[in-house]
Amino acid sequence: MLKQYTKALIYIALAAVGFLVTALSDDVLTLEEVLNLVVIVLGAVAVYLVPNLQAGPGAYLKAFVAFLTAGIVALLSFLTGGVTLSEWLQVLIAAFAGIGVFIVPNERPSAVERPLYRARP
């Protein structure tokens, strides 16, 4: 049942790891670190909302969203006065989340999870 949500769960788990690393690395949450965490959480929501498409360029859409999030986290870190160790760790974790989303195959809901009828347009 949860197979279709595996990519989102991986990203959410790594977002939580990103928060823990940031919170525990120096016991201080700066504004830049909080902004990065907000972007990572929004990226997790976006990965969840993007459908699991099976073919064509759409099959890589979730991975694209995850890597885009990692890029935004890196950009925010660079633009806000230098990159601290905890910000580098956030960028690295966001990149690993993108890799995890890319590696895990897309899953469709099983026949049991699909509705038995379809509304006609």
N, C-alpha and C. Protein backbone atom coordinates (compact mmCIF):
# COMPACT_ATOMS: atom_id res chain seq x y z
N MET A 1 0.81 -1.19 0.00
CA MET A 1 0.00 0.00 0.00
C MET A 1 0.86 1.26 0.00
N LEU A 2 1.96 1.24 0.73
CA LEU A 2 2.79 2.43 0.81
C LEU A 2 3.81 2.53 -0.32
N LYS A 3 3.84 1.56 -1.23
CA LYS A 3 4.83 1.58 -2.30
C LYS A 3 4.75 2.83 -3.16
N GLN A 4 3.56 3.32 -3.38
CA GLN A 4 3.43 4.52 -4.22
C GLN A 4 3.90 5.78 -3.51
N TYR A 5 4.12 5.71 -2.22
CA TYR A 5 4.59 6.87 -1.46
C TYR A 5 6.05 6.76 -1.06
N THR A 6 6.77 5.75 -1.55
CA THR A 6 8.14 5.51 -1.12
C THR A 6 9.04 6.71 -1.38
N LYS A 7 8.95 7.32 -2.56
CA LYS A 7 9.80 8.46 -2.87
C LYS A 7 9.55 9.62 -1.91
N ALA A 8 8.31 9.90 -1.63
CA ALA A 8 7.98 10.99 -0.71
C ALA A 8 8.46 10.67 0.70
N LEU A 9 8.31 9.42 1.13
CA LEU A 9 8.75 9.03 2.47
C LEU A 9 10.26 9.14 2.61
N ILE A 10 10.99 8.75 1.56
CA ILE A 10 12.45 8.88 1.59
C ILE A 10 12.82 10.35 1.74
N TYR A 11 12.19 11.20 0.97
CA TYR A 11 12.52 12.63 1.01
C TYR A 11 12.15 13.22 2.37
N ILE A 12 11.00 12.85 2.91
CA ILE A 12 10.58 13.37 4.22
C ILE A 12 11.54 12.91 5.31
N ALA A 13 11.97 11.65 5.24
CA ALA A 13 12.93 11.14 6.24
C ALA A 13 14.24 11.91 6.16
N LEU A 14 14.72 12.17 4.95
CA LEU A 14 15.97 12.91 4.83
C LEU A 14 15.79 14.38 5.19
N ALA A 15 14.61 14.93 5.01
CA ALA A 15 14.34 16.29 5.48
C ALA A 15 14.43 16.34 7.01
N ALA A 16 13.91 15.31 7.66
CA ALA A 16 14.00 15.24 9.13
C ALA A 16 15.45 15.10 9.56
N VAL A 17 16.25 14.30 8.85
CA VAL A 17 17.67 14.16 9.15
C VAL A 17 18.36 15.52 8.96
N GLY A 18 17.99 16.23 7.90
CA GLY A 18 18.55 17.56 7.68
C GLY A 18 18.28 18.50 8.83
N PHE A 19 17.07 18.44 9.37
CA PHE A 19 16.73 19.27 10.52
C PHE A 19 17.56 18.88 11.73
N LEU A 20 17.67 17.57 11.99
CA LEU A 20 18.44 17.13 13.15
C LEU A 20 19.91 17.51 13.03
N VAL A 21 20.48 17.34 11.85
CA VAL A 21 21.89 17.70 11.65
C VAL A 21 22.08 19.19 11.90
N THR A 22 21.17 20.00 11.38
CA THR A 22 21.28 21.45 11.55
C THR A 22 21.12 21.84 13.01
N ALA A 23 20.16 21.26 13.68
CA ALA A 23 19.89 21.61 15.07
C ALA A 23 20.99 21.14 16.01
N LEU A 24 21.59 20.01 15.70
CA LEU A 24 22.56 19.43 16.63
C LEU A 24 24.01 19.78 16.30
N SER A 25 24.29 20.31 15.11
CA SER A 25 25.69 20.53 14.73
C SER A 25 26.35 21.64 15.55
N ASP A 26 25.62 22.72 15.85
CA ASP A 26 26.23 23.79 16.63
C ASP A 26 25.29 24.35 17.70
N ASP A 27 24.17 23.69 17.93
CA ASP A 27 23.18 24.08 18.94
C ASP A 27 22.59 25.47 18.71
N VAL A 28 22.71 25.99 17.49
CA VAL A 28 22.15 27.29 17.15
C VAL A 28 21.50 27.19 15.78
N LEU A 29 20.27 27.69 15.67
CA LEU A 29 19.60 27.76 14.37
C LEU A 29 19.64 29.20 13.89
N THR A 30 20.42 29.43 12.83
CA THR A 30 20.49 30.78 12.27
C THR A 30 19.33 30.97 11.29
N LEU A 31 19.11 32.21 10.88
CA LEU A 31 18.05 32.50 9.92
C LEU A 31 18.29 31.74 8.61
N GLU A 32 19.54 31.68 8.16
CA GLU A 32 19.86 30.98 6.92
C GLU A 32 19.53 29.50 7.02
N GLU A 33 19.85 28.90 8.16
CA GLU A 33 19.56 27.47 8.36
C GLU A 33 18.05 27.23 8.38
N VAL A 34 17.31 28.12 9.01
CA VAL A 34 15.85 27.98 9.04
C VAL A 34 15.28 28.13 7.64
N LEU A 35 15.78 29.09 6.86
CA LEU A 35 15.33 29.23 5.47
C LEU A 35 15.61 27.96 4.67
N ASN A 36 16.80 27.39 4.85
CA ASN A 36 17.11 26.14 4.16
C ASN A 36 16.16 25.02 4.57
N LEU A 37 15.85 24.95 5.85
CA LEU A 37 14.92 23.92 6.33
C LEU A 37 13.53 24.11 5.74
N VAL A 38 13.09 25.36 5.62
CA VAL A 38 11.79 25.64 5.01
C VAL A 38 11.78 25.17 3.56
N VAL A 39 12.85 25.46 2.83
CA VAL A 39 12.94 25.02 1.43
C VAL A 39 12.92 23.50 1.34
N ILE A 40 13.64 22.83 2.24
CA ILE A 40 13.67 21.36 2.22
C ILE A 40 12.29 20.78 2.51
N VAL A 41 11.58 21.35 3.46
CA VAL A 41 10.22 20.87 3.78
C VAL A 41 9.28 21.12 2.60
N LEU A 42 9.38 22.30 1.98
CA LEU A 42 8.56 22.56 0.79
C LEU A 42 8.92 21.60 -0.34
N GLY A 43 10.19 21.25 -0.45
CA GLY A 43 10.60 20.26 -1.45
C GLY A 43 9.99 18.90 -1.16
N ALA A 44 9.91 18.52 0.12
CA ALA A 44 9.29 17.25 0.48
C ALA A 44 7.81 17.25 0.11
N VAL A 45 7.13 18.36 0.36
CA VAL A 45 5.72 18.47 -0.01
C VAL A 45 5.56 18.37 -1.53
N ALA A 46 6.45 19.05 -2.26
CA ALA A 46 6.38 19.01 -3.73
C ALA A 46 6.63 17.61 -4.26
N VAL A 47 7.59 16.89 -3.69
CA VAL A 47 7.86 15.51 -4.13
C VAL A 47 6.64 14.64 -3.86
N TYR A 48 5.98 14.87 -2.74
CA TYR A 48 4.77 14.11 -2.43
C TYR A 48 3.66 14.41 -3.44
N LEU A 49 3.49 15.67 -3.82
CA LEU A 49 2.39 16.07 -4.68
C LEU A 49 2.58 15.69 -6.15
N VAL A 50 3.82 15.56 -6.60
CA VAL A 50 4.07 15.20 -8.00
C VAL A 50 3.65 13.73 -8.20
N PRO A 51 2.86 13.45 -9.23
CA PRO A 51 2.40 12.07 -9.43
C PRO A 51 3.53 11.15 -9.90
N ASN A 52 3.38 9.85 -9.62
CA ASN A 52 4.31 8.84 -10.10
C ASN A 52 3.97 8.52 -11.55
N LEU A 53 4.66 9.13 -12.48
CA LEU A 53 4.45 8.86 -13.90
C LEU A 53 5.40 7.75 -14.32
N GLN A 54 4.94 6.89 -15.21
CA GLN A 54 5.69 5.69 -15.54
C GLN A 54 6.64 5.83 -16.72
N ALA A 55 6.37 6.73 -17.65
CA ALA A 55 7.17 6.78 -18.87
C ALA A 55 7.46 8.21 -19.28
N GLY A 56 8.44 8.34 -20.17
CA GLY A 56 8.77 9.65 -20.72
C GLY A 56 9.46 10.53 -19.71
N PRO A 57 9.57 11.80 -20.02
CA PRO A 57 10.23 12.74 -19.11
C PRO A 57 9.54 12.85 -17.75
N GLY A 58 8.23 12.60 -17.72
CA GLY A 58 7.49 12.68 -16.47
C GLY A 58 7.94 11.67 -15.43
N ALA A 59 8.58 10.58 -15.89
CA ALA A 59 9.06 9.57 -14.95
C ALA A 59 10.17 10.12 -14.05
N TYR A 60 10.80 11.20 -14.48
CA TYR A 60 11.89 11.80 -13.71
C TYR A 60 11.49 13.09 -13.03
N LEU A 61 10.20 13.41 -13.02
CA LEU A 61 9.74 14.68 -12.49
C LEU A 61 9.98 14.81 -10.99
N LYS A 62 9.74 13.74 -10.23
CA LYS A 62 9.98 13.80 -8.78
C LYS A 62 11.46 14.04 -8.49
N ALA A 63 12.34 13.35 -9.23
CA ALA A 63 13.78 13.53 -9.04
C ALA A 63 14.18 14.96 -9.40
N PHE A 64 13.60 15.50 -10.47
CA PHE A 64 13.89 16.88 -10.86
C PHE A 64 13.51 17.85 -9.74
N VAL A 65 12.34 17.66 -9.15
CA VAL A 65 11.89 18.52 -8.05
C VAL A 65 12.84 18.40 -6.86
N ALA A 66 13.29 17.18 -6.56
CA ALA A 66 14.19 16.97 -5.43
C ALA A 66 15.54 17.64 -5.69
N PHE A 67 16.09 17.49 -6.89
CA PHE A 67 17.37 18.13 -7.21
C PHE A 67 17.23 19.65 -7.28
N LEU A 68 16.11 20.13 -7.76
CA LEU A 68 15.85 21.57 -7.79
C LEU A 68 15.85 22.13 -6.37
N THR A 69 15.24 21.40 -5.45
CA THR A 69 15.23 21.81 -4.04
C THR A 69 16.65 21.87 -3.50
N ALA A 70 17.48 20.86 -3.81
CA ALA A 70 18.87 20.87 -3.35
C ALA A 70 19.62 22.07 -3.93
N GLY A 71 19.34 22.39 -5.18
CA GLY A 71 19.98 23.55 -5.79
C GLY A 71 19.57 24.86 -5.13
N ILE A 72 18.30 24.97 -4.78
CA ILE A 72 17.82 26.18 -4.10
C ILE A 72 18.45 26.31 -2.71
N VAL A 73 18.57 25.17 -2.01
CA VAL A 73 19.23 25.18 -0.69
C VAL A 73 20.67 25.65 -0.84
N ALA A 74 21.38 25.13 -1.84
CA ALA A 74 22.77 25.55 -2.06
C ALA A 74 22.83 27.04 -2.40
N LEU A 75 21.95 27.50 -3.28
CA LEU A 75 21.93 28.90 -3.68
C LEU A 75 21.67 29.82 -2.50
N LEU A 76 20.69 29.45 -1.66
CA LEU A 76 20.42 30.26 -0.47
C LEU A 76 21.64 30.32 0.44
N SER A 77 22.33 29.20 0.58
CA SER A 77 23.51 29.18 1.44
C SER A 77 24.60 30.10 0.89
N PHE A 78 24.80 30.07 -0.42
CA PHE A 78 25.84 30.90 -1.02
C PHE A 78 25.49 32.39 -0.97
N LEU A 79 24.21 32.72 -1.08
CA LEU A 79 23.79 34.12 -1.15
C LEU A 79 23.64 34.79 0.21
N THR A 80 23.67 34.03 1.27
CA THR A 80 23.41 34.62 2.59
C THR A 80 24.69 34.77 3.42
N GLY A 81 25.77 35.12 2.77
CA GLY A 81 26.97 35.46 3.53
C GLY A 81 27.91 34.31 3.82
N GLY A 82 28.04 33.38 2.94
CA GLY A 82 28.97 32.28 3.16
C GLY A 82 28.25 31.02 3.61
N VAL A 83 28.97 29.95 3.54
CA VAL A 83 28.38 28.65 3.84
C VAL A 83 29.04 28.07 5.08
N THR A 84 28.24 27.80 6.09
CA THR A 84 28.75 27.19 7.32
C THR A 84 28.75 25.67 7.16
N LEU A 85 29.34 25.00 8.12
CA LEU A 85 29.39 23.54 8.09
C LEU A 85 27.99 22.94 8.09
N SER A 86 27.11 23.45 8.93
CA SER A 86 25.76 22.88 8.99
C SER A 86 25.00 23.14 7.68
N GLU A 87 25.28 24.26 7.01
CA GLU A 87 24.64 24.52 5.71
C GLU A 87 25.17 23.57 4.64
N TRP A 88 26.47 23.28 4.68
CA TRP A 88 27.01 22.28 3.75
C TRP A 88 26.36 20.93 3.98
N LEU A 89 26.15 20.59 5.25
CA LEU A 89 25.49 19.32 5.56
C LEU A 89 24.05 19.31 5.04
N GLN A 90 23.36 20.45 5.14
CA GLN A 90 22.00 20.54 4.59
C GLN A 90 22.00 20.34 3.08
N VAL A 91 22.95 20.97 2.39
CA VAL A 91 23.04 20.82 0.94
C VAL A 91 23.32 19.36 0.59
N LEU A 92 24.24 18.74 1.31
CA LEU A 92 24.59 17.34 1.06
C LEU A 92 23.39 16.42 1.29
N ILE A 93 22.66 16.64 2.37
CA ILE A 93 21.49 15.80 2.65
C ILE A 93 20.40 16.03 1.61
N ALA A 94 20.20 17.27 1.19
CA ALA A 94 19.21 17.55 0.13
C ALA A 94 19.62 16.86 -1.17
N ALA A 95 20.91 16.83 -1.48
CA ALA A 95 21.38 16.14 -2.68
C ALA A 95 21.16 14.63 -2.55
N PHE A 96 21.45 14.07 -1.38
CA PHE A 96 21.19 12.64 -1.17
C PHE A 96 19.70 12.32 -1.29
N ALA A 97 18.86 13.24 -0.84
CA ALA A 97 17.42 13.04 -0.99
C ALA A 97 17.06 12.97 -2.47
N GLY A 98 17.65 13.84 -3.28
CA GLY A 98 17.41 13.81 -4.71
C GLY A 98 17.87 12.50 -5.33
N ILE A 99 19.03 12.03 -4.91
CA ILE A 99 19.54 10.75 -5.41
C ILE A 99 18.61 9.62 -5.01
N GLY A 100 18.14 9.63 -3.76
CA GLY A 100 17.21 8.59 -3.30
C GLY A 100 15.92 8.60 -4.08
N VAL A 101 15.39 9.78 -4.36
CA VAL A 101 14.15 9.89 -5.13
C VAL A 101 14.38 9.39 -6.56
N PHE A 102 15.55 9.64 -7.12
CA PHE A 102 15.86 9.19 -8.48
C PHE A 102 15.99 7.67 -8.55
N ILE A 103 16.63 7.07 -7.55
CA ILE A 103 16.92 5.64 -7.58
C ILE A 103 15.66 4.79 -7.38
N VAL A 104 14.77 5.20 -6.50
CA VAL A 104 13.59 4.41 -6.19
C VAL A 104 12.64 4.42 -7.39
N PRO A 105 12.20 3.24 -7.85
CA PRO A 105 11.31 3.20 -9.02
C PRO A 105 9.92 3.75 -8.70
N ASN A 106 9.28 4.30 -9.73
CA ASN A 106 7.91 4.79 -9.59
C ASN A 106 6.96 3.61 -9.42
N GLU A 107 6.00 3.75 -8.57
CA GLU A 107 5.00 2.71 -8.34
C GLU A 107 3.61 3.29 -8.55
N ARG A 108 2.79 2.51 -9.20
CA ARG A 108 1.38 2.88 -9.33
C ARG A 108 0.59 2.21 -8.22
N PRO A 109 -0.58 2.74 -7.88
CA PRO A 109 -1.42 2.04 -6.91
C PRO A 109 -1.81 0.68 -7.46
N SER A 110 -1.88 -0.30 -6.58
CA SER A 110 -2.28 -1.63 -7.02
C SER A 110 -3.77 -1.63 -7.36
N ALA A 111 -4.23 -2.72 -7.95
CA ALA A 111 -5.64 -2.82 -8.34
C ALA A 111 -6.56 -2.71 -7.12
N VAL A 112 -6.09 -3.16 -5.98
CA VAL A 112 -6.89 -3.08 -4.76
C VAL A 112 -7.07 -1.63 -4.32
N GLU A 113 -6.05 -0.80 -4.56
CA GLU A 113 -6.10 0.58 -4.12
C GLU A 113 -6.81 1.49 -5.10
N ARG A 114 -6.96 1.07 -6.36
CA ARG A 114 -7.64 1.88 -7.37
C ARG A 114 -9.14 1.78 -7.20
N PRO A 115 -9.86 2.82 -7.51
CA PRO A 115 -11.32 2.74 -7.41
C PRO A 115 -11.87 1.77 -8.47
N LEU A 116 -12.99 1.15 -8.16
CA LEU A 116 -13.60 0.19 -9.07
C LEU A 116 -14.37 0.86 -10.20
N TYR A 117 -14.64 2.11 -10.07
CA TYR A 117 -15.40 2.83 -11.11
C TYR A 117 -14.66 4.12 -11.42
N ARG A 118 -14.97 4.66 -12.56
CA ARG A 118 -14.43 5.96 -12.94
C ARG A 118 -15.58 6.87 -13.31
N ALA A 119 -15.50 8.09 -12.87
CA ALA A 119 -16.53 9.06 -13.23
C ALA A 119 -16.36 9.39 -14.70
N ARG A 120 -17.42 9.46 -15.42
CA ARG A 120 -17.35 9.79 -16.84
C ARG A 120 -17.45 11.30 -17.01
N PRO A 121 -16.62 11.84 -17.92
CA PRO A 121 -16.67 13.30 -18.11
C PRO A 121 -17.93 13.76 -18.79
